[in-house]
């Protein structure tokens, strides 16, 4: 998923349940190798898959969309260099229609 800092910096975020901060199967958000709990995740959501959005909600993360950011959005045109993600997306036990 793509995230933005409060200053507009574009970052890659990943959800995982394989981290000590994760409890009872709830995912933890990892950004630049650092874990963030729902109360510590000061990011805007730039883009995420349907599964990632469901997992964010399951984990208690309420990240506002970057499009709702009130300040200068000149960052919107910058290129984001996608990295290959060797991990799989978290499975969603509640998925419907094969999503």
Protein backbone atom coordinates (compact mmCIF):
# COMPACT_ATOMS: atom_id res chain seq x y z
CA UNK A 1 0.00 0.00 0.00
CA UNK A 2 1.05 3.57 -0.52
CA UNK A 3 1.08 6.00 2.36
CA UNK A 4 1.97 9.64 2.85
CA UNK A 5 3.49 11.26 5.90
CA UNK A 6 1.90 14.37 7.34
CA UNK A 7 4.47 16.30 5.27
CA UNK A 8 3.47 14.51 2.07
CA UNK A 9 6.41 12.10 1.74
CA UNK A 10 5.36 9.00 -0.21
CA UNK A 11 6.10 5.68 1.53
CA UNK A 12 5.36 1.99 1.15
CA UNK A 13 3.45 0.31 3.99
CA UNK A 14 2.83 -3.36 4.64
CA UNK A 15 0.52 -5.18 7.02
CA UNK A 16 1.69 -8.29 8.78
CA UNK A 17 0.60 -10.55 11.60
CA UNK A 18 4.12 -11.94 11.94
CA UNK A 19 5.43 -9.25 14.25
CA UNK A 20 5.61 -9.24 18.06
CA UNK A 21 3.30 -6.20 18.22
CA UNK A 22 0.57 -8.23 16.48
CA UNK A 23 -1.82 -9.90 18.89
CA UNK A 24 -4.72 -12.25 18.32
CA UNK A 25 -4.16 -12.24 14.56
CA UNK A 26 -4.59 -8.47 14.19
CA UNK A 27 -2.22 -6.96 11.61
CA UNK A 28 0.48 -4.42 12.35
CA UNK A 29 1.48 -1.70 9.90
CA UNK A 30 5.16 -1.75 8.95
CA UNK A 31 6.71 1.35 7.35
CA UNK A 32 10.46 1.54 6.64
CA UNK A 33 10.94 -1.54 8.83
CA UNK A 34 9.25 0.07 11.84
CA UNK A 35 5.97 -1.17 13.35
CA UNK A 36 3.09 1.23 13.96
CA UNK A 37 0.03 0.47 16.03
CA UNK A 38 -3.30 2.11 15.17
CA UNK A 39 -2.72 4.92 17.67
CA UNK A 40 0.79 5.64 16.33
CA UNK A 41 0.15 5.50 12.58
CA UNK A 42 0.27 9.17 11.60
CA UNK A 43 -0.08 8.57 7.87
CA UNK A 44 -2.48 9.33 5.08
CA UNK A 45 -3.60 6.52 2.81
CA UNK A 46 -2.58 7.14 -0.82
CA UNK A 47 -3.73 3.77 -2.21
CA UNK A 48 -4.44 0.23 -1.01
CA UNK A 49 -6.03 -2.94 -2.31
CA UNK A 50 -9.44 -4.07 -1.11
CA UNK A 51 -7.78 -6.73 1.03
CA UNK A 52 -5.39 -4.18 2.55
CA UNK A 53 -8.30 -1.85 3.35
CA UNK A 54 -10.16 -4.68 5.09
CA UNK A 55 -7.04 -5.60 7.04
CA UNK A 56 -6.49 -1.97 8.06
CA UNK A 57 -10.04 -1.85 9.43
CA UNK A 58 -9.57 -5.21 11.17
CA UNK A 59 -6.41 -3.87 12.84
CA UNK A 60 -8.15 -0.70 14.01
CA UNK A 61 -6.32 1.64 11.62
CA UNK A 62 -8.29 4.67 10.51
CA UNK A 63 -6.04 6.38 7.97
CA UNK A 64 -7.58 9.37 6.23
CA UNK A 65 -7.31 9.39 2.44
CA UNK A 66 -4.56 11.63 1.09
CA UNK A 67 -7.16 13.24 -1.18
CA UNK A 68 -8.70 14.78 1.95
CA UNK A 69 -5.39 16.40 2.94
CA UNK A 70 -6.10 20.12 3.16
CA UNK A 71 -2.66 21.49 2.36
CA UNK A 72 -0.68 21.78 -0.87
CA UNK A 73 -0.90 18.54 -2.83
CA UNK A 74 1.89 19.24 -5.32
CA UNK A 75 3.29 15.82 -4.42
CA UNK A 76 0.49 14.14 -6.35
CA UNK A 77 2.43 14.20 -9.62
CA UNK A 78 5.59 12.58 -8.25
CA UNK A 79 6.52 9.09 -9.33
CA UNK A 80 6.38 6.31 -6.79
CA UNK A 81 8.98 3.64 -7.31
CA UNK A 82 7.24 0.39 -6.54
CA UNK A 83 9.38 -2.20 -4.86
CA UNK A 84 8.92 -5.88 -5.40
CA UNK A 85 7.16 -7.25 -2.35
CA UNK A 86 8.45 -10.76 -1.68
CA UNK A 87 5.69 -11.42 0.85
CA UNK A 88 2.12 -12.31 0.20
CA UNK A 89 -0.82 -10.11 1.01
CA UNK A 90 -2.52 -11.01 4.30
CA UNK A 91 -5.28 -13.49 3.80
CA UNK A 92 -8.79 -12.28 4.42
CA UNK A 93 -10.92 -14.97 6.03
CA UNK A 94 -14.07 -12.92 5.47
CA UNK A 95 -13.61 -12.42 1.75
CA UNK A 96 -16.49 -12.85 -0.64
CA UNK A 97 -16.48 -13.61 -4.35
CA UNK A 98 -12.83 -14.66 -4.27
CA UNK A 99 -11.44 -11.21 -3.45
